[in-house]
């Protein structure tokens, strides 16, 4: 079913965004810094992917779940979406961990 992977990524991205907005972990707290961090993380991993593609380490497999649009050889459309999701998820999890740790430290003192 073409597009299923992209749909799953978008749905997962929306779920993380809902958690982020509900508990004000990243975007509502520092929108510019959040956008910059996600953009920098995505760019870093895209460069990492490019290096892997050039050296032949990364190749696109044949999956019927992909849309079928390639941005470059062995770089499907879904890859930058996944990398942005990965960067955003890491930022939200980190923010939640920092907040949890701070609250536990407050209670302990």
Protein backbone atom coordinates (compact mmCIF):
# COMPACT_ATOMS: atom_id res chain seq x y z
CA UNK A 1 0.00 0.00 0.00
CA UNK A 2 1.96 3.02 -1.24
CA UNK A 3 2.14 5.94 1.17
CA UNK A 4 1.47 3.93 4.32
CA UNK A 5 4.93 4.65 5.76
CA UNK A 6 4.57 8.40 5.12
CA UNK A 7 1.11 8.35 6.69
CA UNK A 8 2.48 6.57 9.76
CA UNK A 9 5.25 9.17 10.04
CA UNK A 10 2.82 12.07 9.78
CA UNK A 11 0.47 10.48 12.33
CA UNK A 12 3.39 9.85 14.72
CA UNK A 13 4.63 13.42 14.22
CA UNK A 14 1.13 14.68 15.10
CA UNK A 15 1.07 12.53 18.23
CA UNK A 16 4.40 13.87 19.45
CA UNK A 17 3.25 17.42 18.63
CA UNK A 18 0.09 16.87 20.70
CA UNK A 19 2.19 15.74 23.66
CA UNK A 20 4.52 18.70 23.13
CA UNK A 21 1.70 21.24 22.98
CA UNK A 22 -0.20 19.71 25.91
CA UNK A 23 2.75 19.85 28.30
CA UNK A 24 4.53 22.84 26.69
CA UNK A 25 7.79 20.97 26.27
CA UNK A 26 9.37 22.54 23.18
CA UNK A 27 7.43 24.52 20.56
CA UNK A 28 5.25 26.59 22.92
CA UNK A 29 8.20 27.13 25.24
CA UNK A 30 10.80 28.19 22.65
CA UNK A 31 9.47 28.04 19.07
CA UNK A 32 12.53 29.50 17.37
CA UNK A 33 14.97 27.24 19.20
CA UNK A 34 12.77 24.20 18.54
CA UNK A 35 12.56 24.90 14.81
CA UNK A 36 16.30 25.56 14.65
CA UNK A 37 17.14 22.37 16.55
CA UNK A 38 14.89 20.22 14.36
CA UNK A 39 16.24 21.84 11.18
CA UNK A 40 19.87 21.41 12.26
CA UNK A 41 19.28 17.81 13.35
CA UNK A 42 17.50 17.00 10.08
CA UNK A 43 20.27 18.63 8.01
CA UNK A 44 22.95 16.73 9.95
CA UNK A 45 21.26 13.39 9.39
CA UNK A 46 20.63 14.19 5.71
CA UNK A 47 24.37 14.85 5.32
CA UNK A 48 25.01 11.58 7.13
CA UNK A 49 22.64 9.82 4.72
CA UNK A 50 24.35 11.47 1.74
CA UNK A 51 27.72 10.20 2.92
CA UNK A 52 26.25 6.72 3.35
CA UNK A 53 24.64 6.81 -0.09
CA UNK A 54 27.82 8.03 -1.77
CA UNK A 55 29.91 5.29 -0.15
CA UNK A 56 27.31 2.65 -1.00
CA UNK A 57 26.48 1.84 2.61
CA UNK A 58 22.88 3.09 2.36
CA UNK A 59 20.64 1.84 -0.41
CA UNK A 60 16.91 2.16 -0.82
CA UNK A 61 15.17 -1.13 -0.46
CA UNK A 62 12.18 -2.10 -2.51
CA UNK A 63 9.16 -1.48 -0.33
CA UNK A 64 5.57 -1.12 -1.42
CA UNK A 65 4.95 1.14 1.61
CA UNK A 66 6.91 4.07 0.13
CA UNK A 67 5.23 6.72 -2.00
CA UNK A 68 7.73 6.14 -4.80
CA UNK A 69 9.15 9.68 -5.01
CA UNK A 70 12.93 9.90 -4.77
CA UNK A 71 14.58 13.20 -3.88
CA UNK A 72 17.94 11.75 -4.96
CA UNK A 73 19.16 8.25 -5.78
CA UNK A 74 18.44 6.03 -2.75
CA UNK A 75 16.80 8.95 -0.90
CA UNK A 76 13.02 8.51 -0.77
CA UNK A 77 10.68 11.36 0.11
CA UNK A 78 9.97 9.72 3.45
CA UNK A 79 13.59 9.98 4.66
CA UNK A 80 13.69 13.73 5.47
CA UNK A 81 10.25 13.43 7.08
CA UNK A 82 11.55 10.58 9.24
CA UNK A 83 14.70 12.53 10.14
CA UNK A 84 12.67 15.60 11.13
CA UNK A 85 10.40 13.36 13.21
CA UNK A 86 13.43 11.74 14.85
CA UNK A 87 14.94 15.12 15.71
CA UNK A 88 11.65 16.48 17.07
CA UNK A 89 10.96 13.33 19.08
CA UNK A 90 14.43 13.47 20.64
CA UNK A 91 13.91 17.12 21.57
CA UNK A 92 10.51 16.47 23.15
CA UNK A 93 11.77 13.43 25.09
CA UNK A 94 14.83 15.40 26.29
CA UNK A 95 12.63 18.32 27.39
CA UNK A 96 10.31 15.96 29.26
CA UNK A 97 13.25 14.28 30.98
CA UNK A 98 14.75 17.63 32.02
CA UNK A 99 11.40 18.79 33.40
CA UNK A 100 10.85 15.51 35.27
CA UNK A 101 14.32 15.64 36.78
CA UNK A 102 13.85 19.27 37.88
CA UNK A 103 10.52 18.46 39.54
CA UNK A 104 12.01 15.49 41.36
CA UNK A 105 14.89 17.66 42.57
CA UNK A 106 12.36 20.25 43.80
CA UNK A 107 10.45 17.64 45.78
CA UNK A 108 13.63 16.20 47.27
CA UNK A 109 14.77 19.53 48.67
